[in-house]
C-alpha atoms as a PDB file:
ATOM      1  CA  UNK A   1       0.000   0.000   0.000  1.00  0.00           C
ATOM      2  CA  UNK A   2       2.887   2.370   0.607  1.00  0.00           C
ATOM      3  CA  UNK A   3       3.633   2.453  -3.139  1.00  0.00           C
ATOM      4  CA  UNK A   4       0.310   4.211  -3.688  1.00  0.00           C
ATOM      5  CA  UNK A   5       1.382   7.210  -1.600  1.00  0.00           C
ATOM      6  CA  UNK A   6       5.041   7.356  -2.650  1.00  0.00           C
ATOM      7  CA  UNK A   7       4.522  10.570  -4.616  1.00  0.00           C
ATOM      8  CA  UNK A   8       3.617  12.766  -1.617  1.00  0.00           C
ATOM      9  CA  UNK A   9       6.049  15.743  -1.615  1.00  0.00           C
ATOM     10  CA  UNK A  10       8.389  15.851   1.369  1.00  0.00           C
ATOM     11  CA  UNK A  11       7.793  12.270   2.531  1.00  0.00           C
ATOM     12  CA  UNK A  12       9.881   9.157   1.897  1.00  0.00           C
ATOM     13  CA  UNK A  13       7.071   6.684   2.459  1.00  0.00           C
ATOM     14  CA  UNK A  14       9.080   3.420   2.665  1.00  0.00           C
ATOM     15  CA  UNK A  15      11.486   4.901   5.214  1.00  0.00           C
ATOM     16  CA  UNK A  16       8.639   6.460   7.178  1.00  0.00           C
ATOM     17  CA  UNK A  17       6.811   3.130   7.193  1.00  0.00           C
ATOM     18  CA  UNK A  18       9.823   1.370   8.670  1.00  0.00           C
ATOM     19  CA  UNK A  19      10.280   4.061  11.303  1.00  0.00           C
ATOM     20  CA  UNK A  20       6.607   3.987  12.344  1.00  0.00           C
ATOM     21  CA  UNK A  21       6.653   0.197  12.615  1.00  0.00           C
ATOM     22  CA  UNK A  22       9.671   0.364  14.950  1.00  0.00           C
ATOM     23  CA  UNK A  23       8.558   3.410  16.947  1.00  0.00           C
ATOM     24  CA  UNK A  24       4.803   2.925  17.257  1.00  0.00           C
ATOM     25  CA  UNK A  25       4.263  -0.842  17.150  1.00  0.00           C
ATOM     26  CA  UNK A  26       0.620  -1.724  17.026  1.00  0.00           C
ATOM     27  CA  UNK A  27      -0.444   1.423  15.183  1.00  0.00           C
ATOM     28  CA  UNK A  28      -0.644  -0.402  11.863  1.00  0.00           C
ATOM     29  CA  UNK A  29       0.950   0.174   8.490  1.00  0.00           C
ATOM     30  CA  UNK A  30       0.578   3.312   6.395  1.00  0.00           C
ATOM     31  CA  UNK A  31      -2.521   3.165   4.220  1.00  0.00           C
ATOM     32  CA  UNK A  32      -2.538   6.773   3.027  1.00  0.00           C
ATOM     33  CA  UNK A  33      -0.875  10.176   3.339  1.00  0.00           C
ATOM     34  CA  UNK A  34      -2.191  13.544   2.237  1.00  0.00           C
ATOM     35  CA  UNK A  35      -0.897  17.091   2.539  1.00  0.00           C
ATOM     36  CA  UNK A  36      -3.368  19.072   4.597  1.00  0.00           C
ATOM     37  CA  UNK A  37      -4.590  22.418   3.296  1.00  0.00           C
ATOM     38  CA  UNK A  38      -2.881  25.601   4.494  1.00  0.00           C
ATOM     39  CA  UNK A  39       0.497  25.686   6.176  1.00  0.00           C
ATOM     40  CA  UNK A  40       2.781  28.116   4.340  1.00  0.00           C
ATOM     41  CA  UNK A  41       5.581  27.356   6.797  1.00  0.00           C
ATOM     42  CA  UNK A  42       5.998  23.853   8.213  1.00  0.00           C
ATOM     43  CA  UNK A  43       4.339  21.087   6.214  1.00  0.00           C
ATOM     44  CA  UNK A  44       1.483  19.162   7.794  1.00  0.00           C
ATOM     45  CA  UNK A  45       0.270  15.763   6.618  1.00  0.00           C
ATOM     46  CA  UNK A  46      -2.582  13.472   7.585  1.00  0.00           C
ATOM     47  CA  UNK A  47      -1.219   9.934   7.876  1.00  0.00           C
ATOM     48  CA  UNK A  48      -3.548   6.947   7.966  1.00  0.00           C
ATOM     49  CA  UNK A  49      -2.249   3.980   9.930  1.00  0.00           C
ATOM     50  CA  UNK A  50      -4.831   1.269   9.468  1.00  0.00           C
ATOM     51  CA  UNK A  51      -7.971   2.707  11.077  1.00  0.00           C
ATOM     52  CA  UNK A  52      -5.998   5.358  13.010  1.00  0.00           C
ATOM     53  CA  UNK A  53      -5.286   8.895  11.862  1.00  0.00           C
ATOM     54  CA  UNK A  54      -2.233  10.827  13.007  1.00  0.00           C
ATOM     55  CA  UNK A  55      -0.644  14.081  11.885  1.00  0.00           C
ATOM     56  CA  UNK A  56       2.968  14.503  10.747  1.00  0.00           C
ATOM     57  CA  UNK A  57       4.787  17.851  10.877  1.00  0.00           C
ATOM     58  CA  UNK A  58       8.074  18.580   9.110  1.00  0.00           C
ATOM     59  CA  UNK A  59       9.977  21.706   7.964  1.00  0.00           C
ATOM     60  CA  UNK A  60       9.439  23.192   4.496  1.00  0.00           C
ATOM     61  CA  UNK A  61      11.368  21.865   1.509  1.00  0.00           C
ATOM     62  CA  UNK A  62      13.666  24.820   0.828  1.00  0.00           C
ATOM     63  CA  UNK A  63      15.077  28.135   2.089  1.00  0.00           C
ATOM     64  CA  UNK A  64      14.753  27.209   5.764  1.00  0.00           C
ATOM     65  CA  UNK A  65      15.642  30.298   7.783  1.00  0.00           C
ATOM     66  CA  UNK A  66      18.159  29.898  10.609  1.00  0.00           C
ATOM     67  CA  UNK A  67      16.571  28.956  13.983  1.00  0.00           C
ATOM     68  CA  UNK A  68      13.144  28.450  12.338  1.00  0.00           C
ATOM     69  CA  UNK A  69      11.101  25.255  11.890  1.00  0.00           C
ATOM     70  CA  UNK A  70      12.415  23.488  14.997  1.00  0.00           C
ATOM     71  CA  UNK A  71      10.538  20.208  15.308  1.00  0.00           C
ATOM     72  CA  UNK A  72      11.991  19.406  18.728  1.00  0.00           C
ATOM     73  CA  UNK A  73      10.703  22.751  19.998  1.00  0.00           C
ATOM     74  CA  UNK A  74       7.168  22.071  18.848  1.00  0.00           C
ATOM     75  CA  UNK A  75       7.229  18.580  20.281  1.00  0.00           C
ATOM     76  CA  UNK A  76       8.571  19.809  23.629  1.00  0.00           C
ATOM     77  CA  UNK A  77       5.882  22.414  24.129  1.00  0.00           C
ATOM     78  CA  UNK A  78       3.078  20.055  23.065  1.00  0.00           C
ATOM     79  CA  UNK A  79       4.349  17.474  25.541  1.00  0.00           C
ATOM     80  CA  UNK A  80       4.404  20.078  28.316  1.00  0.00           C
ATOM     81  CA  UNK A  81       0.917  21.411  27.547  1.00  0.00           C
ATOM     82  CA  UNK A  82      -0.824  18.042  27.214  1.00  0.00           C
ATOM     83  CA  UNK A  83      -3.400  17.928  30.009  1.00  0.00           C
ATOM     84  CA  UNK A  84      -3.152  21.668  30.797  1.00  0.00           C
ATOM     85  CA  UNK A  85      -5.770  24.402  30.370  1.00  0.00           C
ATOM     86  CA  UNK A  86      -4.329  25.013  26.884  1.00  0.00           C
ATOM     87  CA  UNK A  87      -5.941  22.597  24.386  1.00  0.00           C
ATOM     88  CA  UNK A  88      -3.320  20.898  22.190  1.00  0.00           C
ATOM     89  CA  UNK A  89      -3.008  17.637  20.228  1.00  0.00           C
ATOM     90  CA  UNK A  90      -1.321  14.788  22.073  1.00  0.00           C
ATOM     91  CA  UNK A  91       2.251  14.311  20.775  1.00  0.00           C
ATOM     92  CA  UNK A  92       3.186  10.717  19.869  1.00  0.00           C
ATOM     93  CA  UNK A  93       6.811  10.531  18.724  1.00  0.00           C
ATOM     94  CA  UNK A  94       9.677  12.762  17.625  1.00  0.00           C
ATOM     95  CA  UNK A  95      12.224  11.845  14.938  1.00  0.00           C
ATOM     96  CA  UNK A  96      15.300  14.143  14.847  1.00  0.00           C
ATOM     97  CA  UNK A  97      16.991  11.886  12.277  1.00  0.00           C
ATOM     98  CA  UNK A  98      16.964  13.609   8.868  1.00  0.00           C
ATOM     99  CA  UNK A  99      17.748  10.324   7.134  1.00  0.00           C
ATOM    100  CA  UNK A 100      14.201   9.005   7.557  1.00  0.00           C
ATOM    101  CA  UNK A 101      12.211  11.451   5.373  1.00  0.00           C
ATOM    102  CA  UNK A 102      14.856  14.079   4.620  1.00  0.00           C
ATOM    103  CA  UNK A 103      14.136  16.324   7.634  1.00  0.00           C
ATOM    104  CA  UNK A 104      13.275  16.057  11.336  1.00  0.00           C
ATOM    105  CA  UNK A 105       9.581  15.478  12.029  1.00  0.00           C
ATOM    106  CA  UNK A 106       7.116  14.462  14.696  1.00  0.00           C
ATOM    107  CA  UNK A 107       3.762  12.713  14.915  1.00  0.00           C
ATOM    108  CA  UNK A 108       0.768  13.767  16.990  1.00  0.00           C
ATOM    109  CA  UNK A 109      -2.787  12.579  17.407  1.00  0.00           C
ATOM    110  CA  UNK A 110      -5.309  13.831  14.890  1.00  0.00           C
ATOM    111  CA  UNK A 111      -7.872  16.189  16.471  1.00  0.00           C
ATOM    112  CA  UNK A 112     -11.315  16.442  14.950  1.00  0.00           C
ATOM    113  CA  UNK A 113     -12.109  20.050  14.221  1.00  0.00           C
ATOM    114  CA  UNK A 114     -12.476  22.707  11.575  1.00  0.00           C
ATOM    115  CA  UNK A 115     -10.094  25.384  10.403  1.00  0.00           C
ATOM    116  CA  UNK A 116     -11.983  28.635   9.858  1.00  0.00           C
ATOM    117  CA  UNK A 117      -9.920  30.873   7.611  1.00  0.00           C
ATOM    118  CA  UNK A 118     -12.259  32.780   5.304  1.00  0.00           C
ATOM    119  CA  UNK A 119     -15.698  34.327   5.492  1.00  0.00           C
ATOM    120  CA  UNK A 120     -16.877  31.501   3.234  1.00  0.00           C
ATOM    121  CA  UNK A 121     -15.671  28.974   5.824  1.00  0.00           C
ATOM    122  CA  UNK A 122     -18.056  30.599   8.301  1.00  0.00           C
ATOM    123  CA  UNK A 123     -21.145  30.404   6.087  1.00  0.00           C
ATOM    124  CA  UNK A 124     -22.848  28.092   8.617  1.00  0.00           C
ATOM    125  CA  UNK A 125     -21.548  29.898  11.721  1.00  0.00           C
ATOM    126  CA  UNK A 126     -24.232  31.905  13.494  1.00  0.00           C
ATOM    127  CA  UNK A 127     -23.385  35.330  14.938  1.00  0.00           C
ATOM    128  CA  UNK A 128     -23.804  33.861  18.418  1.00  0.00           C
ATOM    129  CA  UNK A 129     -21.324  31.073  17.630  1.00  0.00           C
ATOM    130  CA  UNK A 130     -18.922  33.573  16.065  1.00  0.00           C
ATOM    131  CA  UNK A 131     -18.931  35.706  19.195  1.00  0.00           C
ATOM    132  CA  UNK A 132     -18.397  32.644  21.379  1.00  0.00           C
ATOM    133  CA  UNK A 133     -15.428  31.525  19.258  1.00  0.00           C
ATOM    134  CA  UNK A 134     -13.911  35.010  19.529  1.00  0.00           C
ATOM    135  CA  UNK A 135     -14.220  34.926  23.291  1.00  0.00           C
ATOM    136  CA  UNK A 136     -12.872  31.380  23.529  1.00  0.00           C
ATOM    137  CA  UNK A 137      -9.879  32.342  21.405  1.00  0.00           C
ATOM    138  CA  UNK A 138      -9.103  35.227  23.763  1.00  0.00           C
ATOM    139  CA  UNK A 139      -9.479  32.774  26.654  1.00  0.00           C
ATOM    140  CA  UNK A 140      -7.005  30.386  25.017  1.00  0.00           C
ATOM    141  CA  UNK A 141      -4.448  33.151  24.453  1.00  0.00           C
ATOM    142  CA  UNK A 142      -4.794  34.260  28.061  1.00  0.00           C
ATOM    143  CA  UNK A 143      -4.390  30.652  29.244  1.00  0.00           C
ATOM    144  CA  UNK A 144      -1.148  30.338  27.276  1.00  0.00           C
ATOM    145  CA  UNK A 145       0.244  33.537  28.767  1.00  0.00           C
ATOM    146  CA  UNK A 146      -0.859  32.802  32.339  1.00  0.00           C
ATOM    147  CA  UNK A 147       0.562  29.277  32.297  1.00  0.00           C
ATOM    148  CA  UNK A 148       2.894  28.476  35.196  1.00  0.00           C
ATOM    149  CA  UNK A 149       5.891  27.632  33.009  1.00  0.00           C
ATOM    150  CA  UNK A 150       7.959  26.257  35.868  1.00  0.00           C
ATOM    151  CA  UNK A 151       5.227  23.851  36.885  1.00  0.00           C
ATOM    152  CA  UNK A 152       4.752  22.832  33.251  1.00  0.00           C
ATOM    153  CA  UNK A 153       8.452  22.020  32.922  1.00  0.00           C
ATOM    154  CA  UNK A 154       9.128  24.902  30.536  1.00  0.00           C
ATOM    155  CA  UNK A 155      11.212  27.072  32.833  1.00  0.00           C
ATOM    156  CA  UNK A 156      14.231  26.773  30.520  1.00  0.00           C
ATOM    157  CA  UNK A 157      12.255  26.933  27.268  1.00  0.00           C
ATOM    158  CA  UNK A 158      13.581  30.384  26.392  1.00  0.00           C
ATOM    159  CA  UNK A 159      15.415  33.485  27.618  1.00  0.00           C
ATOM    160  CA  UNK A 160      12.811  36.085  28.539  1.00  0.00           C
ATOM    161  CA  UNK A 161      15.395  38.706  29.542  1.00  0.00           C
ATOM    162  CA  UNK A 162      15.931  41.061  26.589  1.00  0.00           C
ATOM    163  CA  UNK A 163      13.347  39.179  24.525  1.00  0.00           C
ATOM    164  CA  UNK A 164      12.036  42.034  22.368  1.00  0.00           C
ATOM    165  CA  UNK A 165      15.521  43.358  21.584  1.00  0.00           C
ATOM    166  CA  UNK A 166      16.618  39.881  20.504  1.00  0.00           C
ATOM    167  CA  UNK A 167      13.465  39.490  18.422  1.00  0.00           C
ATOM    168  CA  UNK A 168      14.221  42.706  16.561  1.00  0.00           C
ATOM    169  CA  UNK A 169      17.723  41.462  15.757  1.00  0.00           C
ATOM    170  CA  UNK A 170      16.578  37.934  14.963  1.00  0.00           C
ATOM    171  CA  UNK A 171      13.981  38.974  12.407  1.00  0.00           C
ATOM    172  CA  UNK A 172      16.453  41.439  10.951  1.00  0.00           C
ATOM    173  CA  UNK A 173      18.830  38.533  10.295  1.00  0.00           C
ATOM    174  CA  UNK A 174      15.979  36.565   8.755  1.00  0.00           C
ATOM    175  CA  UNK A 175      15.226  39.495   6.439  1.00  0.00           C
ATOM    176  CA  UNK A 176      18.828  39.605   5.277  1.00  0.00           C
ATOM    177  CA  UNK A 177      18.843  35.822   4.744  1.00  0.00           C
ATOM    178  CA  UNK A 178      15.764  36.068   2.541  1.00  0.00           C
ATOM    179  CA  UNK A 179      17.071  39.104   0.697  1.00  0.00           C
ATOM    180  CA  UNK A 180      20.202  37.144  -0.226  1.00  0.00           C
ATOM    181  CA  UNK A 181      17.843  34.935  -2.230  1.00  0.00           C
ATOM    182  CA  UNK A 182      17.011  38.023  -4.393  1.00  0.00           C
ATOM    183  CA  UNK A 183      13.279  38.285  -3.796  1.00  0.00           C
ATOM    184  CA  UNK A 184      13.007  41.442  -5.873  1.00  0.00           C
ATOM    185  CA  UNK A 185      12.018  43.856  -3.107  1.00  0.00           C
ATOM    186  CA  UNK A 186      12.107  47.443  -4.366  1.00  0.00           C
ATOM    187  CA  UNK A 187      14.465  50.129  -3.117  1.00  0.00           C
ATOM    188  CA  UNK A 188      11.443  51.915  -1.635  1.00  0.00           C
ATOM    189  CA  UNK A 189      10.480  48.809   0.335  1.00  0.00           C
ATOM    190  CA  UNK A 190      14.046  48.405   1.576  1.00  0.00           C
ATOM    191  CA  UNK A 191      14.157  52.047   2.692  1.00  0.00           C
ATOM    192  CA  UNK A 192      10.781  51.793   4.433  1.00  0.00           C
ATOM    193  CA  UNK A 193      11.896  48.567   6.123  1.00  0.00           C
ATOM    194  CA  UNK A 194      15.107  50.195   7.387  1.00  0.00           C
ATOM    195  CA  UNK A 195      13.151  53.147   8.769  1.00  0.00           C
ATOM    196  CA  UNK A 196      10.721  50.769  10.510  1.00  0.00           C
ATOM    197  CA  UNK A 197      13.553  48.868  12.183  1.00  0.00           C
ATOM    198  CA  UNK A 198      14.921  52.172  13.468  1.00  0.00           C
ATOM    199  CA  UNK A 199      11.541  53.262  14.816  1.00  0.00           C
ATOM    200  CA  UNK A 200      10.929  49.934  16.538  1.00  0.00           C
ATOM    201  CA  UNK A 201      14.396  50.029  18.067  1.00  0.00           C
ATOM    202  CA  UNK A 202      13.650  53.448  19.540  1.00  0.00           C
ATOM    203  CA  UNK A 203      10.434  52.130  21.118  1.00  0.00           C
ATOM    204  CA  UNK A 204      11.697  48.804  22.483  1.00  0.00           C
ATOM    205  CA  UNK A 205      10.103  48.118  25.886  1.00  0.00           C
ATOM    206  CA  UNK A 206      12.206  46.987  28.798  1.00  0.00           C
ATOM    207  CA  UNK A 207      11.814  43.632  30.478  1.00  0.00           C
ATOM    208  CA  UNK A 208       8.435  43.308  32.107  1.00  0.00           C
ATOM    209  CA  UNK A 209       5.827  40.645  31.440  1.00  0.00           C
ATOM    210  CA  UNK A 210       7.097  37.116  30.897  1.00  0.00           C
ATOM    211  CA  UNK A 211       5.239  34.015  29.813  1.00  0.00           C
ATOM    212  CA  UNK A 212       4.898  31.296  27.230  1.00  0.00           C
ATOM    213  CA  UNK A 213       4.606  32.868  23.769  1.00  0.00           C
ATOM    214  CA  UNK A 214       2.956  30.924  20.937  1.00  0.00           C
ATOM    215  CA  UNK A 215       4.576  33.032  18.223  1.00  0.00           C
ATOM    216  CA  UNK A 216       1.842  32.833  15.541  1.00  0.00           C
ATOM    217  CA  UNK A 217      -1.480  32.882  17.371  1.00  0.00           C
ATOM    218  CA  UNK A 218      -4.593  33.331  15.237  1.00  0.00           C
ATOM    219  CA  UNK A 219      -7.952  31.675  14.692  1.00  0.00           C
ATOM    220  CA  UNK A 220      -6.826  29.547  11.753  1.00  0.00           C
ATOM    221  CA  UNK A 221      -4.005  28.126  13.886  1.00  0.00           C
ATOM    222  CA  UNK A 222      -6.701  26.507  15.990  1.00  0.00           C
ATOM    223  CA  UNK A 223      -9.085  23.642  15.359  1.00  0.00           C
ATOM    224  CA  UNK A 224     -12.627  24.541  16.356  1.00  0.00           C
ATOM    225  CA  UNK A 225     -15.910  22.750  16.900  1.00  0.00           C
ATOM    226  CA  UNK A 226     -19.284  24.460  16.762  1.00  0.00           C
ATOM    227  CA  UNK A 227     -21.686  21.877  18.112  1.00  0.00           C
ATOM    228  CA  UNK A 228     -23.090  21.022  20.524  1.00  0.00           C
ATOM    229  CA  UNK A 229     -21.291  24.136  21.849  1.00  0.00           C
ATOM    230  CA  UNK A 230     -18.519  26.274  20.310  1.00  0.00           C
ATOM    231  CA  UNK A 231     -15.115  25.001  21.396  1.00  0.00           C
ATOM    232  CA  UNK A 232     -11.430  25.551  20.670  1.00  0.00           C
ATOM    233  CA  UNK A 233     -10.492  21.890  20.237  1.00  0.00           C
ATOM    234  CA  UNK A 234      -6.748  22.478  19.851  1.00  0.00           C
ATOM    235  CA  UNK A 235      -4.214  25.237  19.332  1.00  0.00           C
ATOM    236  CA  UNK A 236      -1.622  24.142  16.752  1.00  0.00           C
ATOM    237  CA  UNK A 237       1.512  25.403  14.931  1.00  0.00           C
ATOM    238  CA  UNK A 238       3.844  25.967  17.895  1.00  0.00           C
ATOM    239  CA  UNK A 239       7.037  26.187  15.827  1.00  0.00           C
ATOM    240  CA  UNK A 240       7.923  29.699  17.036  1.00  0.00           C
ATOM    241  CA  UNK A 241       6.967  29.221  20.681  1.00  0.00           C
ATOM    242  CA  UNK A 242       9.323  30.353  23.436  1.00  0.00           C
ATOM    243  CA  UNK A 243       9.384  32.302  26.695  1.00  0.00           C
ATOM    244  CA  UNK A 244       9.122  36.034  26.232  1.00  0.00           C
ATOM    245  CA  UNK A 245       6.839  39.048  26.221  1.00  0.00           C
ATOM    246  CA  UNK A 246       3.235  37.809  25.879  1.00  0.00           C
ATOM    247  CA  UNK A 247       2.063  41.106  24.386  1.00  0.00           C
ATOM    248  CA  UNK A 248       4.077  40.249  21.273  1.00  0.00           C
ATOM    249  CA  UNK A 249       1.561  37.428  20.728  1.00  0.00           C
ATOM    250  CA  UNK A 250      -1.393  39.753  21.146  1.00  0.00           C
ATOM    251  CA  UNK A 251       0.140  42.269  18.732  1.00  0.00           C
ATOM    252  CA  UNK A 252       0.563  39.676  15.992  1.00  0.00           C
ATOM    253  CA  UNK A 253      -2.927  38.274  16.577  1.00  0.00           C
ATOM    254  CA  UNK A 254      -4.320  41.756  15.971  1.00  0.00           C
ATOM    255  CA  UNK A 255      -2.286  42.069  12.760  1.00  0.00           C
ATOM    256  CA  UNK A 256      -4.169  39.039  11.481  1.00  0.00           C
ATOM    257  CA  UNK A 257      -7.542  40.072  12.937  1.00  0.00           C
ATOM    258  CA  UNK A 258      -9.864  41.455  10.271  1.00  0.00           C
ATOM    259  CA  UNK A 259     -12.759  43.682  11.233  1.00  0.00           C
ATOM    260  CA  UNK A 260     -15.769  44.066   8.957  1.00  0.00           C
ATOM    261  CA  UNK A 261     -14.976  46.409   6.087  1.00  0.00           C
ATOM    262  CA  UNK A 262     -11.228  46.231   6.679  1.00  0.00           C
ATOM    263  CA  UNK A 263     -10.137  45.854   3.057  1.00  0.00           C
ATOM    264  CA  UNK A 264      -6.426  46.401   3.763  1.00  0.00           C
ATOM    265  CA  UNK A 265      -6.141  43.366   6.040  1.00  0.00           C
ATOM    266  CA  UNK A 266      -8.261  41.243   3.731  1.00  0.00           C
ATOM    267  CA  UNK A 267      -5.694  41.932   1.007  1.00  0.00           C
ATOM    268  CA  UNK A 268      -2.997  40.041   2.938  1.00  0.00           C
ATOM    269  CA  UNK A 269      -3.193  36.391   1.744  1.00  0.00           C
ATOM    270  CA  UNK A 270      -2.223  34.835   5.094  1.00  0.00           C
ATOM    271  CA  UNK A 271      -4.068  34.420   8.311  1.00  0.00           C
ATOM    272  CA  UNK A 272      -7.784  34.556   8.782  1.00  0.00           C
ATOM    273  CA  UNK A 273     -10.345  36.893   7.265  1.00  0.00           C
ATOM    274  CA  UNK A 274     -13.161  34.933   8.890  1.00  0.00           C
ATOM    275  CA  UNK A 275     -13.272  37.395  11.791  1.00  0.00           C
ATOM    276  CA  UNK A 276     -14.972  39.903   9.483  1.00  0.00           C
ATOM    277  CA  UNK A 277     -18.050  37.632   9.412  1.00  0.00           C
ATOM    278  CA  UNK A 278     -21.114  38.700  11.454  1.00  0.00           C
ATOM    279  CA  UNK A 279     -20.831  38.158  15.195  1.00  0.00           C
ATOM    280  CA  UNK A 280     -17.057  38.064  15.622  1.00  0.00           C
ATOM    281  CA  UNK A 281     -15.575  40.525  18.083  1.00  0.00           C
ATOM    282  CA  UNK A 282     -13.686  43.463  16.674  1.00  0.00           C
ATOM    283  CA  UNK A 283      -9.938  43.534  17.221  1.00  0.00           C
ATOM    284  CA  UNK A 284     -10.415  46.153  19.947  1.00  0.00           C
ATOM    285  CA  UNK A 285     -13.028  44.010  21.713  1.00  0.00           C
ATOM    286  CA  UNK A 286     -10.730  40.982  21.499  1.00  0.00           C
ATOM    287  CA  UNK A 287      -7.875  42.979  23.051  1.00  0.00           C
ATOM    288  CA  UNK A 288     -10.169  44.289  25.790  1.00  0.00           C
ATOM    289  CA  UNK A 289     -11.320  40.783  26.719  1.00  0.00           C
ATOM    290  CA  UNK A 290      -7.713  39.617  26.811  1.00  0.00           C
ATOM    291  CA  UNK A 291      -6.777  42.536  29.070  1.00  0.00           C
ATOM    292  CA  UNK A 292      -9.656  41.714  31.432  1.00  0.00           C
ATOM    293  CA  UNK A 293      -8.595  38.060  31.639  1.00  0.00           C
ATOM    294  CA  UNK A 294      -4.901  38.748  32.192  1.00  0.00           C
ATOM    295  CA  UNK A 295      -4.891  42.110  33.913  1.00  0.00           C
ATOM    296  CA  UNK A 296      -2.133  43.273  31.536  1.00  0.00           C
ATOM    297  CA  UNK A 297      -1.697  46.948  30.658  1.00  0.00           C
ATOM    298  CA  UNK A 298      -2.135  47.547  26.914  1.00  0.00           C
ATOM    299  CA  UNK A 299      -0.899  51.148  26.863  1.00  0.00           C
ATOM    300  CA  UNK A 300       1.910  50.245  24.412  1.00  0.00           C
ATOM    301  CA  UNK A 301      -0.235  48.066  22.184  1.00  0.00           C
ATOM    302  CA  UNK A 302       0.608  50.167  19.124  1.00  0.00           C
ATOM    303  CA  UNK A 303       4.257  49.128  19.406  1.00  0.00           C
ATOM    304  CA  UNK A 304       3.360  45.439  19.631  1.00  0.00           C
ATOM    305  CA  UNK A 305       0.999  45.585  16.645  1.00  0.00           C
ATOM    306  CA  UNK A 306       3.642  47.412  14.587  1.00  0.00           C
ATOM    307  CA  UNK A 307       6.197  44.832  15.650  1.00  0.00           C
ATOM    308  CA  UNK A 308       3.762  42.100  14.571  1.00  0.00           C
ATOM    309  CA  UNK A 309       3.544  43.717  11.132  1.00  0.00           C
ATOM    310  CA  UNK A 310       7.352  43.767  10.952  1.00  0.00           C
ATOM    311  CA  UNK A 311       7.669  40.123  11.984  1.00  0.00           C
ATOM    312  CA  UNK A 312       4.998  38.960   9.548  1.00  0.00           C
ATOM    313  CA  UNK A 313       6.592  40.944   6.713  1.00  0.00           C
ATOM    314  CA  UNK A 314       9.884  39.153   7.331  1.00  0.00           C
ATOM    315  CA  UNK A 315       8.184  35.757   7.470  1.00  0.00           C
ATOM    316  CA  UNK A 316       6.373  36.414   4.198  1.00  0.00           C
ATOM    317  CA  UNK A 317       9.601  37.548   2.556  1.00  0.00           C
ATOM    318  CA  UNK A 318      11.047  34.139   3.490  1.00  0.00           C
ATOM    319  CA  UNK A 319       8.036  32.304   2.087  1.00  0.00           C
ATOM    320  CA  UNK A 320       8.271  34.391  -1.087  1.00  0.00           C
ATOM    321  CA  UNK A 321      11.931  33.380  -1.407  1.00  0.00           C
ATOM    322  CA  UNK A 322      10.951  29.694  -1.173  1.00  0.00           C
ATOM    323  CA  UNK A 323       8.252  30.254  -3.791  1.00  0.00           C
ATOM    324  CA  UNK A 324      10.779  31.786  -6.201  1.00  0.00           C
ATOM    325  CA  UNK A 325      13.029  28.768  -5.618  1.00  0.00           C
ATOM    326  CA  UNK A 326      10.051  26.487  -6.459  1.00  0.00           C
ATOM    327  CA  UNK A 327      10.404  24.947  -2.997  1.00  0.00           C
ATOM    328  CA  UNK A 328       6.833  25.496  -1.790  1.00  0.00           C
ATOM    329  CA  UNK A 329       4.190  22.773  -1.569  1.00  0.00           C
ATOM    330  CA  UNK A 330       0.539  23.614  -2.182  1.00  0.00           C
ATOM    331  CA  UNK A 331      -1.206  26.653  -3.644  1.00  0.00           C
ATOM    332  CA  UNK A 332      -1.701  30.336  -2.875  1.00  0.00           C
ATOM    333  CA  UNK A 333       1.886  31.604  -2.898  1.00  0.00           C
ATOM    334  CA  UNK A 334       1.780  33.881  -5.941  1.00  0.00           C
ATOM    335  CA  UNK A 335       0.782  37.077  -4.097  1.00  0.00           C
ATOM    336  CA  UNK A 336       2.753  36.511  -0.887  1.00  0.00           C
ATOM    337  CA  UNK A 337       5.545  38.888  -1.874  1.00  0.00           C
ATOM    338  CA  UNK A 338       3.096  41.702  -2.579  1.00  0.00           C
ATOM    339  CA  UNK A 339       2.016  41.700   1.076  1.00  0.00           C
ATOM    340  CA  UNK A 340       5.463  42.613   2.387  1.00  0.00           C
ATOM    341  CA  UNK A 341       5.405  46.369   1.574  1.00  0.00           C
ATOM    342  CA  UNK A 342       1.742  46.511   2.670  1.00  0.00           C
ATOM    343  CA  UNK A 343       2.676  45.240   6.117  1.00  0.00           C
ATOM    344  CA  UNK A 344       5.660  47.543   6.439  1.00  0.00           C
ATOM    345  CA  UNK A 345       3.502  50.549   5.522  1.00  0.00           C
ATOM    346  CA  UNK A 346       0.841  49.423   7.976  1.00  0.00           C
ATOM    347  CA  UNK A 347       3.427  49.230  10.765  1.00  0.00           C
ATOM    348  CA  UNK A 348       4.365  52.865  10.157  1.00  0.00           C
ATOM    349  CA  UNK A 349       0.677  53.821  10.154  1.00  0.00           C
ATOM    350  CA  UNK A 350       0.078  52.048  13.468  1.00  0.00           C
ATOM    351  CA  UNK A 351       3.033  53.832  15.072  1.00  0.00           C
ATOM    352  CA  UNK A 352       1.695  57.137  13.748  1.00  0.00           C
ATOM    353  CA  UNK A 353      -1.995  56.700  14.490  1.00  0.00           C
ATOM    354  CA  UNK A 354      -2.404  53.989  17.163  1.00  0.00           C
ATOM    355  CA  UNK A 355      -3.055  50.254  17.272  1.00  0.00           C
ATOM    356  CA  UNK A 356      -6.753  49.483  16.804  1.00  0.00           C
END
């Protein structure tokens, strides 16, 4: 049966079959593999093992930025969060050996749930359900940030001291790594980017809040259920998680959050536009609920939203570089590069006018 799925990009099926048989005896042989929709960073596959379904995560096929796409990191945080107030899939096994499928990977249980990404995805979601999902998502973000990391065994999961300053430098290095791939960014974009880095550096907050940071928190990085009651079944895509300033998570979430009539955000072909459907909280309402749950002061929220724009612009520049190298898997990459100057301009606007 493995011959029938040998053509799946990024997977060496015979080697994977041997590894699964040795690592998860009793789970059955591979009867099918498919690339799941979405995922412009790490690749996610549904693997059928007899009558079981598990999920495999591995890095992208090309132009992997330094320090990104760490499978061990994802596996570690999922293992720590299993059974906590933060809903996550149960991790099954980690393989750091690149010889098996060509890259490190891990397996986790498949969680039944829906990914809501577009307004069309929410066609059957009532306004009452939409509001409940918004509130539950804010609850999940607050639960991540209020987690007792020492008790969870994540006390050494990152270096919170100087986190935002290191983030500014880290994403600057990622930008340069992507630019070396000649992505075709204009001189105007480069100049605007340089000015943004300077402005962010002048506004860097000192050390204050510390907690577990997801790194890419948004509605379509969660699996949801609507009935019998709305539920966040699992938060996924933990590849950029660490210990740091939790408001950096909130800032990026609000970059993705699309209010009704917000054409500029809907033009960015990543993240969710579903939050513009009837019933979803506005970005401001989401931030207010989060502040109530955590007690955190959001006076500097404009900085964190602008920083989220900067970070996402760098990430998209890296994805665009992979697309130009023909190293992406799936569809929807053609306009990624066009979003980079939009996000940089938006960051300047947020710093000038305020966050939400």
